[in-house]
Amino acid sequence: MEENEKQNQRIAKITFASVYPHYIKKVETKGRSVQELHRVIEWLTGFDEIKLQKLVDEKVTFEQFFESANLNANASLIKGSICGYKVEEIINPLTKKVRYLDKLIDELAKGKKMESILRQ
């Protein structure tokens, strides 16, 4: 699939708060916990539960969310396909970060071991 700027702009303007409940539902439906979800998000972004809740309450966009994130140095080790795109081939930096998060949550929901998800 070819990346397109219209899609990138749409992703940038989505609020994290609008997607976060779907992340919770996805992992809980597959028998994983919210605490595990938070651990994955904290690994990628540096946001603890308090900061994460503040960002949800403020209804920040993904653009704002990742602007204030401290992306993990090992994030570039996240590879594979998500939403029809190979994460490592995504050019737009923000879209890549959002897809990193999607990929990690997908791996959590699929039952991967936490050490593997956190690239340890």
N, C-alpha and C. Protein backbone atom coordinates (compact mmCIF):
# COMPACT_ATOMS: atom_id res chain seq x y z
N MET A 1 0.83 -1.18 0.00
CA MET A 1 0.00 0.00 0.00
C MET A 1 0.88 1.24 0.00
N GLU A 2 0.46 2.22 -0.72
CA GLU A 2 1.22 3.46 -0.78
C GLU A 2 0.70 4.44 0.26
N GLU A 3 1.63 5.05 0.95
CA GLU A 3 1.29 6.04 1.96
C GLU A 3 0.71 7.28 1.27
N ASN A 4 -0.29 7.89 1.89
CA ASN A 4 -0.80 9.12 1.29
C ASN A 4 -0.95 10.21 2.35
N GLU A 5 -0.70 11.43 1.93
CA GLU A 5 -0.65 12.57 2.86
C GLU A 5 -1.99 12.83 3.52
N LYS A 6 -3.08 12.61 2.80
CA LYS A 6 -4.40 12.82 3.38
C LYS A 6 -4.62 11.88 4.57
N GLN A 7 -4.20 10.64 4.41
CA GLN A 7 -4.30 9.65 5.49
C GLN A 7 -3.41 10.08 6.67
N ASN A 8 -2.20 10.55 6.38
CA ASN A 8 -1.29 10.99 7.43
C ASN A 8 -1.89 12.14 8.23
N GLN A 9 -2.52 13.10 7.56
CA GLN A 9 -3.14 14.24 8.24
C GLN A 9 -4.34 13.80 9.08
N ARG A 10 -5.09 12.84 8.58
CA ARG A 10 -6.24 12.33 9.33
C ARG A 10 -5.77 11.67 10.62
N ILE A 11 -4.72 10.87 10.54
CA ILE A 11 -4.17 10.20 11.72
C ILE A 11 -3.69 11.24 12.74
N ALA A 12 -3.03 12.29 12.27
CA ALA A 12 -2.49 13.32 13.16
C ALA A 12 -3.58 13.99 13.98
N LYS A 13 -4.78 14.12 13.42
CA LYS A 13 -5.85 14.87 14.08
C LYS A 13 -6.77 14.00 14.94
N ILE A 14 -6.61 12.70 14.89
CA ILE A 14 -7.41 11.81 15.73
C ILE A 14 -6.99 12.02 17.18
N THR A 15 -7.96 12.10 18.08
CA THR A 15 -7.59 12.24 19.49
C THR A 15 -7.23 10.87 20.06
N PHE A 16 -6.20 10.88 20.89
CA PHE A 16 -5.80 9.65 21.56
C PHE A 16 -6.95 9.10 22.40
N ALA A 17 -7.68 10.00 23.05
CA ALA A 17 -8.80 9.60 23.92
C ALA A 17 -9.88 8.83 23.16
N SER A 18 -10.04 9.11 21.87
CA SER A 18 -11.07 8.42 21.09
C SER A 18 -10.65 6.99 20.74
N VAL A 19 -9.37 6.71 20.75
CA VAL A 19 -8.85 5.39 20.37
C VAL A 19 -8.51 4.54 21.60
N TYR A 20 -8.13 5.19 22.66
CA TYR A 20 -7.69 4.51 23.88
C TYR A 20 -8.69 3.46 24.38
N PRO A 21 -10.00 3.74 24.45
CA PRO A 21 -10.95 2.70 24.89
C PRO A 21 -10.93 1.46 23.98
N HIS A 22 -10.65 1.66 22.70
CA HIS A 22 -10.57 0.53 21.77
C HIS A 22 -9.33 -0.32 22.07
N TYR A 23 -8.23 0.35 22.44
CA TYR A 23 -7.03 -0.39 22.84
C TYR A 23 -7.33 -1.26 24.06
N ILE A 24 -8.01 -0.66 25.04
CA ILE A 24 -8.36 -1.41 26.25
C ILE A 24 -9.23 -2.61 25.91
N LYS A 25 -10.27 -2.37 25.13
CA LYS A 25 -11.19 -3.46 24.77
C LYS A 25 -10.45 -4.57 24.02
N LYS A 26 -9.58 -4.18 23.10
CA LYS A 26 -8.85 -5.17 22.30
C LYS A 26 -8.01 -6.08 23.19
N VAL A 27 -7.25 -5.49 24.11
CA VAL A 27 -6.37 -6.33 24.93
C VAL A 27 -7.15 -7.13 25.96
N GLU A 28 -8.19 -6.53 26.56
CA GLU A 28 -8.98 -7.26 27.56
C GLU A 28 -9.75 -8.41 26.93
N THR A 29 -10.25 -8.21 25.72
CA THR A 29 -10.97 -9.26 25.02
C THR A 29 -10.08 -10.48 24.79
N LYS A 30 -8.79 -10.23 24.65
CA LYS A 30 -7.83 -11.31 24.40
C LYS A 30 -7.15 -11.79 25.69
N GLY A 31 -7.70 -11.38 26.85
CA GLY A 31 -7.20 -11.89 28.11
C GLY A 31 -5.99 -11.17 28.68
N ARG A 32 -5.66 -10.01 28.14
CA ARG A 32 -4.55 -9.22 28.67
C ARG A 32 -5.12 -8.10 29.53
N SER A 33 -4.28 -7.49 30.35
CA SER A 33 -4.76 -6.49 31.31
C SER A 33 -4.46 -5.06 30.87
N VAL A 34 -5.19 -4.14 31.49
CA VAL A 34 -4.95 -2.72 31.25
C VAL A 34 -3.54 -2.37 31.74
N GLN A 35 -3.10 -3.00 32.83
CA GLN A 35 -1.75 -2.75 33.34
C GLN A 35 -0.70 -3.13 32.30
N GLU A 36 -0.91 -4.23 31.60
CA GLU A 36 0.02 -4.62 30.54
C GLU A 36 -0.01 -3.61 29.39
N LEU A 37 -1.21 -3.15 29.06
CA LEU A 37 -1.35 -2.12 28.03
C LEU A 37 -0.57 -0.87 28.43
N HIS A 38 -0.73 -0.44 29.66
CA HIS A 38 -0.03 0.74 30.15
C HIS A 38 1.49 0.53 30.13
N ARG A 39 1.91 -0.67 30.44
CA ARG A 39 3.35 -0.96 30.42
C ARG A 39 3.90 -0.81 29.00
N VAL A 40 3.16 -1.29 28.03
CA VAL A 40 3.57 -1.20 26.62
C VAL A 40 3.60 0.27 26.18
N ILE A 41 2.57 1.02 26.53
CA ILE A 41 2.52 2.44 26.16
C ILE A 41 3.66 3.20 26.83
N GLU A 42 3.91 2.89 28.10
CA GLU A 42 5.00 3.58 28.81
C GLU A 42 6.35 3.24 28.18
N TRP A 43 6.54 1.99 27.79
CA TRP A 43 7.81 1.60 27.15
C TRP A 43 8.03 2.43 25.88
N LEU A 44 6.99 2.57 25.07
CA LEU A 44 7.14 3.29 23.81
C LEU A 44 7.27 4.79 24.00
N THR A 45 6.46 5.36 24.89
CA THR A 45 6.33 6.83 24.97
C THR A 45 6.98 7.47 26.18
N GLY A 46 7.19 6.70 27.23
CA GLY A 46 7.69 7.26 28.49
C GLY A 46 6.57 7.77 29.39
N PHE A 47 5.31 7.67 28.98
CA PHE A 47 4.19 8.17 29.77
C PHE A 47 3.78 7.15 30.82
N ASP A 48 3.83 7.55 32.11
CA ASP A 48 3.30 6.69 33.16
C ASP A 48 1.78 6.81 33.16
N GLU A 49 1.13 6.05 34.05
CA GLU A 49 -0.34 6.03 34.07
C GLU A 49 -0.93 7.41 34.36
N ILE A 50 -0.30 8.17 35.22
CA ILE A 50 -0.81 9.51 35.57
C ILE A 50 -0.75 10.44 34.36
N LYS A 51 0.39 10.46 33.70
CA LYS A 51 0.56 11.31 32.51
C LYS A 51 -0.39 10.85 31.40
N LEU A 52 -0.51 9.54 31.23
CA LEU A 52 -1.39 9.00 30.20
C LEU A 52 -2.83 9.43 30.44
N GLN A 53 -3.29 9.34 31.69
CA GLN A 53 -4.66 9.75 32.01
C GLN A 53 -4.85 11.25 31.77
N LYS A 54 -3.84 12.03 32.07
CA LYS A 54 -3.91 13.48 31.82
C LYS A 54 -4.08 13.75 30.33
N LEU A 55 -3.33 13.04 29.49
CA LEU A 55 -3.43 13.22 28.04
C LEU A 55 -4.80 12.79 27.52
N VAL A 56 -5.34 11.72 28.09
CA VAL A 56 -6.69 11.28 27.73
C VAL A 56 -7.70 12.35 28.11
N ASP A 57 -7.59 12.85 29.34
CA ASP A 57 -8.52 13.89 29.83
C ASP A 57 -8.45 15.16 28.99
N GLU A 58 -7.26 15.51 28.53
CA GLU A 58 -7.07 16.71 27.72
C GLU A 58 -7.48 16.52 26.26
N LYS A 59 -7.79 15.27 25.90
CA LYS A 59 -8.20 14.94 24.53
C LYS A 59 -7.19 15.43 23.49
N VAL A 60 -5.92 15.11 23.75
CA VAL A 60 -4.86 15.50 22.81
C VAL A 60 -4.96 14.68 21.53
N THR A 61 -4.53 15.27 20.45
CA THR A 61 -4.46 14.55 19.17
C THR A 61 -3.23 13.64 19.20
N PHE A 62 -3.16 12.70 18.26
CA PHE A 62 -1.97 11.87 18.16
C PHE A 62 -0.74 12.73 17.90
N GLU A 63 -0.92 13.81 17.16
CA GLU A 63 0.20 14.71 16.90
C GLU A 63 0.73 15.28 18.22
N GLN A 64 -0.16 15.77 19.06
CA GLN A 64 0.24 16.32 20.36
C GLN A 64 0.78 15.22 21.28
N PHE A 65 0.15 14.08 21.23
CA PHE A 65 0.55 12.93 22.06
C PHE A 65 2.01 12.57 21.80
N PHE A 66 2.36 12.42 20.54
CA PHE A 66 3.72 12.01 20.23
C PHE A 66 4.72 13.16 20.27
N GLU A 67 4.26 14.41 20.17
CA GLU A 67 5.16 15.55 20.34
C GLU A 67 5.70 15.60 21.76
N SER A 68 4.88 15.18 22.73
CA SER A 68 5.32 15.22 24.12
C SER A 68 5.91 13.89 24.60
N ALA A 69 5.93 12.90 23.73
CA ALA A 69 6.47 11.58 24.09
C ALA A 69 7.99 11.58 24.01
N ASN A 70 8.57 10.70 24.80
CA ASN A 70 10.00 10.43 24.75
C ASN A 70 10.12 9.02 24.17
N LEU A 71 10.16 8.93 22.84
CA LEU A 71 10.11 7.64 22.16
C LEU A 71 11.28 6.75 22.57
N ASN A 72 10.98 5.51 22.87
CA ASN A 72 12.00 4.55 23.27
C ASN A 72 13.05 4.39 22.17
N ALA A 73 14.30 4.33 22.57
CA ALA A 73 15.41 4.20 21.61
C ALA A 73 15.31 2.92 20.78
N ASN A 74 14.63 1.91 21.30
CA ASN A 74 14.50 0.65 20.57
C ASN A 74 13.23 0.57 19.73
N ALA A 75 12.51 1.67 19.60
CA ALA A 75 11.27 1.65 18.81
C ALA A 75 11.52 1.23 17.37
N SER A 76 12.70 1.55 16.85
CA SER A 76 13.00 1.18 15.46
C SER A 76 13.11 -0.33 15.27
N LEU A 77 13.15 -1.09 16.36
CA LEU A 77 13.17 -2.55 16.27
C LEU A 77 11.77 -3.12 16.01
N ILE A 78 10.75 -2.28 16.07
CA ILE A 78 9.38 -2.73 15.80
C ILE A 78 9.23 -2.89 14.30
N LYS A 79 8.96 -4.10 13.88
CA LYS A 79 8.86 -4.43 12.45
C LYS A 79 7.56 -5.19 12.22
N GLY A 80 7.20 -5.31 10.96
CA GLY A 80 6.04 -6.10 10.59
C GLY A 80 4.91 -5.25 10.04
N SER A 81 3.84 -5.91 9.67
CA SER A 81 2.71 -5.24 9.05
C SER A 81 1.62 -4.91 10.06
N ILE A 82 1.04 -3.74 9.87
CA ILE A 82 -0.11 -3.31 10.66
C ILE A 82 -0.96 -2.42 9.77
N CYS A 83 -2.24 -2.67 9.73
CA CYS A 83 -3.18 -1.89 8.92
C CYS A 83 -2.75 -1.87 7.45
N GLY A 84 -2.16 -2.95 6.98
CA GLY A 84 -1.77 -3.06 5.58
C GLY A 84 -0.46 -2.40 5.22
N TYR A 85 0.27 -1.89 6.20
CA TYR A 85 1.55 -1.22 5.95
C TYR A 85 2.66 -1.94 6.71
N LYS A 86 3.83 -2.01 6.10
CA LYS A 86 5.00 -2.48 6.81
C LYS A 86 5.52 -1.29 7.62
N VAL A 87 5.56 -1.44 8.92
CA VAL A 87 5.92 -0.34 9.81
C VAL A 87 7.26 0.26 9.42
N GLU A 88 8.21 -0.59 9.11
CA GLU A 88 9.56 -0.11 8.81
C GLU A 88 9.65 0.67 7.50
N GLU A 89 8.61 0.61 6.66
CA GLU A 89 8.61 1.32 5.38
C GLU A 89 7.82 2.62 5.41
N ILE A 90 7.17 2.92 6.53
CA ILE A 90 6.38 4.16 6.63
C ILE A 90 7.33 5.35 6.69
N ILE A 91 7.07 6.34 5.86
CA ILE A 91 7.95 7.50 5.73
C ILE A 91 7.58 8.60 6.73
N ASN A 92 6.30 8.92 6.84
CA ASN A 92 5.86 10.01 7.72
C ASN A 92 6.18 9.65 9.18
N PRO A 93 6.97 10.49 9.87
CA PRO A 93 7.40 10.16 11.24
C PRO A 93 6.24 9.97 12.23
N LEU A 94 5.22 10.81 12.17
CA LEU A 94 4.11 10.67 13.10
C LEU A 94 3.32 9.39 12.82
N THR A 95 3.01 9.16 11.56
CA THR A 95 2.28 7.94 11.20
C THR A 95 3.06 6.71 11.64
N LYS A 96 4.37 6.74 11.48
CA LYS A 96 5.21 5.62 11.90
C LYS A 96 5.07 5.38 13.41
N LYS A 97 5.09 6.45 14.20
CA LYS A 97 4.96 6.32 15.65
C LYS A 97 3.60 5.75 16.05
N VAL A 98 2.55 6.22 15.39
CA VAL A 98 1.21 5.71 15.68
C VAL A 98 1.14 4.23 15.33
N ARG A 99 1.72 3.85 14.21
CA ARG A 99 1.72 2.44 13.81
C ARG A 99 2.61 1.58 14.71
N TYR A 100 3.68 2.18 15.27
CA TYR A 100 4.47 1.46 16.28
C TYR A 100 3.55 1.08 17.44
N LEU A 101 2.78 2.06 17.91
CA LEU A 101 1.87 1.81 19.02
C LEU A 101 0.83 0.75 18.64
N ASP A 102 0.25 0.87 17.46
CA ASP A 102 -0.73 -0.11 16.99
C ASP A 102 -0.12 -1.51 16.95
N LYS A 103 1.11 -1.61 16.47
CA LYS A 103 1.78 -2.90 16.34
C LYS A 103 2.03 -3.52 17.72
N LEU A 104 2.49 -2.72 18.66
CA LEU A 104 2.73 -3.23 20.01
C LEU A 104 1.45 -3.73 20.66
N ILE A 105 0.37 -2.97 20.50
CA ILE A 105 -0.91 -3.37 21.07
C ILE A 105 -1.44 -4.63 20.39
N ASP A 106 -1.22 -4.73 19.10
CA ASP A 106 -1.60 -5.93 18.36
C ASP A 106 -0.83 -7.15 18.88
N GLU A 107 0.45 -6.99 19.10
CA GLU A 107 1.27 -8.08 19.63
C GLU A 107 0.81 -8.48 21.03
N LEU A 108 0.47 -7.51 21.86
CA LEU A 108 -0.04 -7.79 23.19
C LEU A 108 -1.33 -8.59 23.11
N ALA A 109 -2.24 -8.16 22.25
CA ALA A 109 -3.52 -8.84 22.09
C ALA A 109 -3.36 -10.25 21.52
N LYS A 110 -2.32 -10.46 20.74
CA LYS A 110 -2.08 -11.78 20.15
C LYS A 110 -1.37 -12.74 21.10
N GLY A 111 -1.06 -12.24 22.31
CA GLY A 111 -0.51 -13.12 23.33
C GLY A 111 1.01 -13.24 23.35
N LYS A 112 1.70 -12.36 22.64
CA LYS A 112 3.16 -12.41 22.68
C LYS A 112 3.65 -12.14 24.10
N LYS A 113 4.82 -12.67 24.40
CA LYS A 113 5.43 -12.45 25.71
C LYS A 113 5.87 -10.99 25.81
N MET A 114 5.74 -10.44 27.01
CA MET A 114 6.07 -9.04 27.25
C MET A 114 7.52 -8.73 26.87
N GLU A 115 8.45 -9.64 27.15
CA GLU A 115 9.86 -9.41 26.81
C GLU A 115 10.04 -9.21 25.31
N SER A 116 9.29 -9.95 24.54
CA SER A 116 9.35 -9.84 23.08
C SER A 116 8.73 -8.52 22.61
N ILE A 117 7.59 -8.17 23.19
CA ILE A 117 6.90 -6.94 22.82
C ILE A 117 7.78 -5.73 23.12
N LEU A 118 8.46 -5.77 24.26
CA LEU A 118 9.30 -4.65 24.69
C LEU A 118 10.70 -4.72 24.12
N ARG A 119 10.89 -5.60 23.16
CA ARG A 119 12.17 -5.70 22.44
C ARG A 119 13.35 -5.86 23.38
N GLN A 120 13.21 -6.79 24.35
CA GLN A 120 14.29 -7.04 25.29
C GLN A 120 15.08 -8.28 24.91
